[in-house]
Amino acid sequence: MPLYEYITTDSEKGCRICRQGFELRRPLDRPPLDLCPLCRNPVKKLLSKGVTSPKIAKPLSVTDAKKAGFTVLERRDQGTYEKL
């Protein structure tokens, strides 16, 4: 679920939470909030600062996975695996 940031539209009437801004996890299919959940004053959705995601330059090899401490298994027959 994405994380949305909200802040009040009127800083004099909002509660302590919405005056400073708050974050809220909401499913994508729900519309954005119009009112603060605590004080019921109007809020607006802020633009996020950006999303950072890990970038992998190349696929990990078997030796890289073993160096990282993972156990590497390879499928041999129907339902049997062998440790590499």
Protein backbone atom coordinates (compact mmCIF):
# COMPACT_ATOMS: atom_id res chain seq x y z
CA MET A 1 0.00 0.00 0.00
CA PRO A 2 1.32 3.43 -0.86
CA LEU A 3 2.12 6.03 1.75
CA TYR A 4 0.42 9.41 1.29
CA GLU A 5 1.25 12.72 2.98
CA TYR A 6 -1.45 15.20 3.98
CA ILE A 7 -1.48 18.69 5.51
CA THR A 8 -4.30 21.02 6.47
CA THR A 9 -5.39 23.75 4.06
CA ASP A 10 -6.04 26.20 6.93
CA SER A 11 -3.20 26.16 9.46
CA GLU A 12 -5.14 28.22 12.02
CA LYS A 13 -8.08 25.82 12.30
CA GLY A 14 -6.34 22.47 12.03
CA CYS A 15 -5.37 20.20 14.91
CA ARG A 16 -1.75 19.67 15.99
CA ILE A 17 -1.41 16.60 13.75
CA CYS A 18 -2.71 18.03 10.47
CA ARG A 19 -0.97 21.41 10.96
CA GLN A 20 2.39 19.62 10.98
CA GLY A 21 1.36 17.14 8.30
CA PHE A 22 0.83 13.41 8.62
CA GLU A 23 1.43 10.23 6.63
CA LEU A 24 -1.22 7.63 5.96
CA ARG A 25 -1.18 4.23 4.23
CA ARG A 26 -4.17 3.79 1.95
CA PRO A 27 -5.02 1.30 -0.80
CA LEU A 28 -4.78 2.58 -4.37
CA ASP A 29 -8.48 2.09 -5.03
CA ARG A 30 -9.55 4.52 -2.25
CA PRO A 31 -9.95 8.22 -3.05
CA PRO A 32 -7.66 10.74 -1.33
CA LEU A 33 -8.72 12.16 2.02
CA ASP A 34 -10.66 15.44 2.06
CA LEU A 35 -10.87 15.83 5.84
CA CYS A 36 -8.49 15.22 8.73
CA PRO A 37 -9.45 11.97 10.52
CA LEU A 38 -9.11 13.67 13.94
CA CYS A 39 -10.46 17.23 13.67
CA ARG A 40 -12.45 16.96 10.41
CA ASN A 41 -10.84 20.10 8.90
CA PRO A 42 -10.01 20.11 5.16
CA VAL A 43 -6.66 18.59 4.18
CA LYS A 44 -4.75 18.37 0.92
CA LYS A 45 -2.46 15.66 -0.38
CA LEU A 46 1.20 16.64 -0.69
CA LEU A 47 3.53 15.61 -3.45
CA SER A 48 5.97 13.01 -2.18
CA LYS A 49 9.67 13.67 -2.12
CA GLY A 50 10.31 10.64 -4.26
CA VAL A 51 10.62 6.92 -4.02
CA THR A 52 13.92 5.19 -3.68
CA SER A 53 14.27 1.60 -4.69
CA PRO A 54 17.30 -0.65 -4.68
CA LYS A 55 18.99 -0.96 -8.03
CA ILE A 56 20.71 -4.16 -9.04
CA ALA A 57 23.20 -3.60 -11.83
CA LYS A 58 23.45 -7.27 -12.77
CA PRO A 59 21.76 -10.52 -11.81
CA LEU A 60 23.36 -12.23 -8.84
CA SER A 61 25.49 -15.24 -9.62
CA VAL A 62 25.70 -18.44 -7.60
CA THR A 63 29.03 -17.39 -6.09
CA ASP A 64 27.63 -13.95 -5.14
CA ALA A 65 24.66 -15.61 -3.43
CA LYS A 66 26.94 -18.01 -1.52
CA LYS A 67 29.19 -15.12 -0.41
CA ALA A 68 26.09 -13.33 0.90
CA GLY A 69 25.25 -16.39 3.02
CA PHE A 70 22.41 -17.88 0.98
CA THR A 71 21.99 -21.60 0.33
CA VAL A 72 21.71 -22.23 -3.39
CA LEU A 73 19.60 -25.17 -4.54
CA GLU A 74 19.16 -26.52 -8.07
CA ARG A 75 16.20 -28.60 -9.18
CA ARG A 76 17.27 -32.04 -10.40
CA ASP A 77 14.15 -34.21 -10.79
CA GLN A 78 10.45 -33.95 -10.06
CA GLY A 79 10.48 -32.45 -6.53
CA THR A 80 14.14 -33.09 -5.68
CA TYR A 81 16.73 -30.38 -5.19
CA GLU A 82 20.48 -30.57 -4.83
CA LYS A 83 22.63 -28.15 -2.86
CA LEU A 84 25.25 -26.45 -5.00
